[in-house]
Amino acid sequence: MGLLPGSELELICPGHGHNCMVKIGGGTLSLDMPLAENIYVTPV
């Protein structure tokens, strides 16, 4: 499972972004803070 530029996803970061999850393609990825800080999203 991975994430490519241009993919549509749902980014869930409760608690001020300390533990984030990315829902994509029927799966969920868990992200730590350093990785989550490097994700930039654009609304569709």
PDB file of N, CA and C in Angstrom:
ATOM      1  N   MET A   1       0.864  -1.169   0.000  1.00  0.00           N
ATOM      2  CA  MET A   1       0.000   0.000   0.000  1.00  0.00           C
ATOM      3  C   MET A   1       0.907   1.227   0.000  1.00  0.00           C
ATOM      4  N   GLY A   2       0.565   2.195  -0.794  1.00  0.00           N
ATOM      5  CA  GLY A   2       1.371   3.402  -0.844  1.00  0.00           C
ATOM      6  C   GLY A   2       0.552   4.596  -1.270  1.00  0.00           C
ATOM      7  N   LEU A   3       1.218   5.693  -1.422  1.00  0.00           N
ATOM      8  CA  LEU A   3       0.586   6.959  -1.745  1.00  0.00           C
ATOM      9  C   LEU A   3       1.389   7.624  -2.850  1.00  0.00           C
ATOM     10  N   LEU A   4       0.708   7.994  -3.933  1.00  0.00           N
ATOM     11  CA  LEU A   4       1.360   8.627  -5.069  1.00  0.00           C
ATOM     12  C   LEU A   4       0.866  10.061  -5.229  1.00  0.00           C
ATOM     13  N   PRO A   5       1.674  10.949  -5.803  1.00  0.00           N
ATOM     14  CA  PRO A   5       1.209  12.321  -6.071  1.00  0.00           C
ATOM     15  C   PRO A   5      -0.060  12.289  -6.907  1.00  0.00           C
ATOM     16  N   GLY A   6      -1.020  13.121  -6.533  1.00  0.00           N
ATOM     17  CA  GLY A   6      -2.299  13.189  -7.234  1.00  0.00           C
ATOM     18  C   GLY A   6      -3.365  12.261  -6.686  1.00  0.00           C
ATOM     19  N   SER A   7      -3.027  11.434  -5.701  1.00  0.00           N
ATOM     20  CA  SER A   7      -4.002  10.523  -5.107  1.00  0.00           C
ATOM     21  C   SER A   7      -4.997  11.286  -4.259  1.00  0.00           C
ATOM     22  N   GLU A   8      -6.256  10.829  -4.276  1.00  0.00           N
ATOM     23  CA  GLU A   8      -7.259  11.407  -3.379  1.00  0.00           C
ATOM     24  C   GLU A   8      -7.280  10.568  -2.112  1.00  0.00           C
ATOM     25  N   LEU A   9      -7.334  11.256  -0.962  1.00  0.00           N
ATOM     26  CA  LEU A   9      -7.291  10.566   0.322  1.00  0.00           C
ATOM     27  C   LEU A   9      -8.040  11.362   1.364  1.00  0.00           C
ATOM     28  N   GLU A  10      -8.215  10.754   2.520  1.00  0.00           N
ATOM     29  CA  GLU A  10      -8.788  11.436   3.682  1.00  0.00           C
ATOM     30  C   GLU A  10      -7.720  11.461   4.759  1.00  0.00           C
ATOM     31  N   LEU A  11      -7.363  12.655   5.213  1.00  0.00           N
ATOM     32  CA  LEU A  11      -6.351  12.823   6.247  1.00  0.00           C
ATOM     33  C   LEU A  11      -7.048  13.092   7.570  1.00  0.00           C
ATOM     34  N   ILE A  12      -6.803  12.257   8.566  1.00  0.00           N
ATOM     35  CA  ILE A  12      -7.445  12.364   9.870  1.00  0.00           C
ATOM     36  C   ILE A  12      -6.361  12.603  10.917  1.00  0.00           C
ATOM     37  N   CYS A  13      -6.376  13.793  11.536  1.00  0.00           N
ATOM     38  CA  CYS A  13      -5.368  14.144  12.544  1.00  0.00           C
ATOM     39  C   CYS A  13      -6.035  14.700  13.793  1.00  0.00           C
ATOM     40  N   PRO A  14      -6.645  13.851  14.596  1.00  0.00           N
ATOM     41  CA  PRO A  14      -7.215  14.339  15.847  1.00  0.00           C
ATOM     42  C   PRO A  14      -6.110  14.664  16.849  1.00  0.00           C
ATOM     43  N   GLY A  15      -6.388  15.506  17.793  1.00  0.00           N
ATOM     44  CA  GLY A  15      -5.415  15.817  18.842  1.00  0.00           C
ATOM     45  C   GLY A  15      -4.252  16.658  18.351  1.00  0.00           C
ATOM     46  N   HIS A  16      -4.534  17.636  17.503  1.00  0.00           N
ATOM     47  CA  HIS A  16      -3.525  18.578  17.014  1.00  0.00           C
ATOM     48  C   HIS A  16      -2.411  17.924  16.210  1.00  0.00           C
ATOM     49  N   GLY A  17      -2.723  16.848  15.483  1.00  0.00           N
ATOM     50  CA  GLY A  17      -1.778  16.268  14.549  1.00  0.00           C
ATOM     51  C   GLY A  17      -0.703  15.365  15.124  1.00  0.00           C
ATOM     52  N   HIS A  18      -0.837  14.922  16.367  1.00  0.00           N
ATOM     53  CA  HIS A  18       0.205  14.077  16.949  1.00  0.00           C
ATOM     54  C   HIS A  18       0.194  12.666  16.367  1.00  0.00           C
ATOM     55  N   ASN A  19      -0.959  12.141  16.075  1.00  0.00           N
ATOM     56  CA  ASN A  19      -1.092  10.833  15.432  1.00  0.00           C
ATOM     57  C   ASN A  19      -2.069  10.994  14.278  1.00  0.00           C
ATOM     58  N   CYS A  20      -1.590  10.834  13.069  1.00  0.00           N
ATOM     59  CA  CYS A  20      -2.445  11.012  11.904  1.00  0.00           C
ATOM     60  C   CYS A  20      -2.649   9.690  11.191  1.00  0.00           C
ATOM     61  N   MET A  21      -3.784   9.606  10.494  1.00  0.00           N
ATOM     62  CA  MET A  21      -4.085   8.455   9.665  1.00  0.00           C
ATOM     63  C   MET A  21      -4.473   8.957   8.283  1.00  0.00           C
ATOM     64  N   VAL A  22      -4.118   8.177   7.267  1.00  0.00           N
ATOM     65  CA  VAL A  22      -4.493   8.477   5.889  1.00  0.00           C
ATOM     66  C   VAL A  22      -5.355   7.323   5.414  1.00  0.00           C
ATOM     67  N   LYS A  23      -6.599   7.630   5.017  1.00  0.00           N
ATOM     68  CA  LYS A  23      -7.480   6.614   4.456  1.00  0.00           C
ATOM     69  C   LYS A  23      -7.403   6.736   2.941  1.00  0.00           C
ATOM     70  N   ILE A  24      -6.977   5.655   2.280  1.00  0.00           N
ATOM     71  CA  ILE A  24      -6.823   5.657   0.830  1.00  0.00           C
ATOM     72  C   ILE A  24      -6.993   4.240   0.280  1.00  0.00           C
ATOM     73  N   GLY A  25      -7.720   4.152  -0.809  1.00  0.00           N
ATOM     74  CA  GLY A  25      -7.872   2.872  -1.505  1.00  0.00           C
ATOM     75  C   GLY A  25      -8.387   1.737  -0.651  1.00  0.00           C
ATOM     76  N   GLY A  26      -9.293   1.993   0.278  1.00  0.00           N
ATOM     77  CA  GLY A  26      -9.849   0.951   1.125  1.00  0.00           C
ATOM     78  C   GLY A  26      -8.959   0.557   2.293  1.00  0.00           C
ATOM     79  N   GLY A  27      -7.812   1.212   2.449  1.00  0.00           N
ATOM     80  CA  GLY A  27      -6.909   0.907   3.555  1.00  0.00           C
ATOM     81  C   GLY A  27      -6.606   2.151   4.369  1.00  0.00           C
ATOM     82  N   THR A  28      -5.885   1.957   5.443  1.00  0.00           N
ATOM     83  CA  THR A  28      -5.516   3.061   6.321  1.00  0.00           C
ATOM     84  C   THR A  28      -4.025   2.973   6.647  1.00  0.00           C
ATOM     85  N   LEU A  29      -3.341   4.114   6.517  1.00  0.00           N
ATOM     86  CA  LEU A  29      -1.934   4.214   6.891  1.00  0.00           C
ATOM     87  C   LEU A  29      -1.832   5.080   8.137  1.00  0.00           C
ATOM     88  N   SER A  30      -1.019   4.671   9.084  1.00  0.00           N
ATOM     89  CA  SER A  30      -0.780   5.457  10.288  1.00  0.00           C
ATOM     90  C   SER A  30       0.540   6.197  10.106  1.00  0.00           C
ATOM     91  N   LEU A  31       0.557   7.495  10.457  1.00  0.00           N
ATOM     92  CA  LEU A  31       1.735   8.333  10.263  1.00  0.00           C
ATOM     93  C   LEU A  31       2.218   8.915  11.581  1.00  0.00           C
ATOM     94  N   ASP A  32       3.533   8.980  11.767  1.00  0.00           N
ATOM     95  CA  ASP A  32       4.057   9.683  12.925  1.00  0.00           C
ATOM     96  C   ASP A  32       4.147  11.177  12.588  1.00  0.00           C
ATOM     97  N   MET A  33       4.416  12.018  13.579  1.00  0.00           N
ATOM     98  CA  MET A  33       4.394  13.462  13.378  1.00  0.00           C
ATOM     99  C   MET A  33       5.397  13.948  12.326  1.00  0.00           C
ATOM    100  N   PRO A  34       6.660  13.513  12.337  1.00  0.00           N
ATOM    101  CA  PRO A  34       7.596  14.021  11.318  1.00  0.00           C
ATOM    102  C   PRO A  34       7.142  13.721   9.887  1.00  0.00           C
ATOM    103  N   LEU A  35       6.559  12.560   9.667  1.00  0.00           N
ATOM    104  CA  LEU A  35       6.073  12.217   8.332  1.00  0.00           C
ATOM    105  C   LEU A  35       4.827  13.023   7.988  1.00  0.00           C
ATOM    106  N   ALA A  36       3.900  13.155   8.933  1.00  0.00           N
ATOM    107  CA  ALA A  36       2.664  13.889   8.705  1.00  0.00           C
ATOM    108  C   ALA A  36       2.933  15.367   8.404  1.00  0.00           C
ATOM    109  N   GLU A  37       3.963  15.931   9.009  1.00  0.00           N
ATOM    110  CA  GLU A  37       4.284  17.350   8.781  1.00  0.00           C
ATOM    111  C   GLU A  37       4.730  17.625   7.350  1.00  0.00           C
ATOM    112  N   ASN A  38       5.099  16.604   6.609  1.00  0.00           N
ATOM    113  CA  ASN A  38       5.566  16.770   5.243  1.00  0.00           C
ATOM    114  C   ASN A  38       4.512  16.453   4.192  1.00  0.00           C
ATOM    115  N   ILE A  39       3.247  16.351   4.614  1.00  0.00           N
ATOM    116  CA  ILE A  39       2.148  16.109   3.672  1.00  0.00           C
ATOM    117  C   ILE A  39       1.415  17.422   3.443  1.00  0.00           C
ATOM    118  N   TYR A  40       1.286  17.780   2.193  1.00  0.00           N
ATOM    119  CA  TYR A  40       0.559  18.990   1.811  1.00  0.00           C
ATOM    120  C   TYR A  40      -0.655  18.569   1.004  1.00  0.00           C
ATOM    121  N   VAL A  41      -1.827  19.067   1.375  1.00  0.00           N
ATOM    122  CA  VAL A  41      -3.064  18.647   0.706  1.00  0.00           C
ATOM    123  C   VAL A  41      -3.760  19.858   0.088  1.00  0.00           C
ATOM    124  N   THR A  42      -4.561  19.566  -0.949  1.00  0.00           N
ATOM    125  CA  THR A  42      -5.367  20.569  -1.615  1.00  0.00           C
ATOM    126  C   THR A  42      -6.795  20.050  -1.665  1.00  0.00           C
ATOM    127  N   PRO A  43      -7.782  20.846  -1.226  1.00  0.00           N
ATOM    128  CA  PRO A  43      -9.165  20.396  -1.296  1.00  0.00           C
ATOM    129  C   PRO A  43      -9.604  20.214  -2.749  1.00  0.00           C
ATOM    130  N   VAL A  44     -10.496  19.228  -2.960  1.00  0.00           N
ATOM    131  CA  VAL A  44     -11.042  19.002  -4.304  1.00  0.00           C
ATOM    132  C   VAL A  44     -12.389  19.661  -4.451  1.00  0.00           C
TER     133      VAL A  44
END
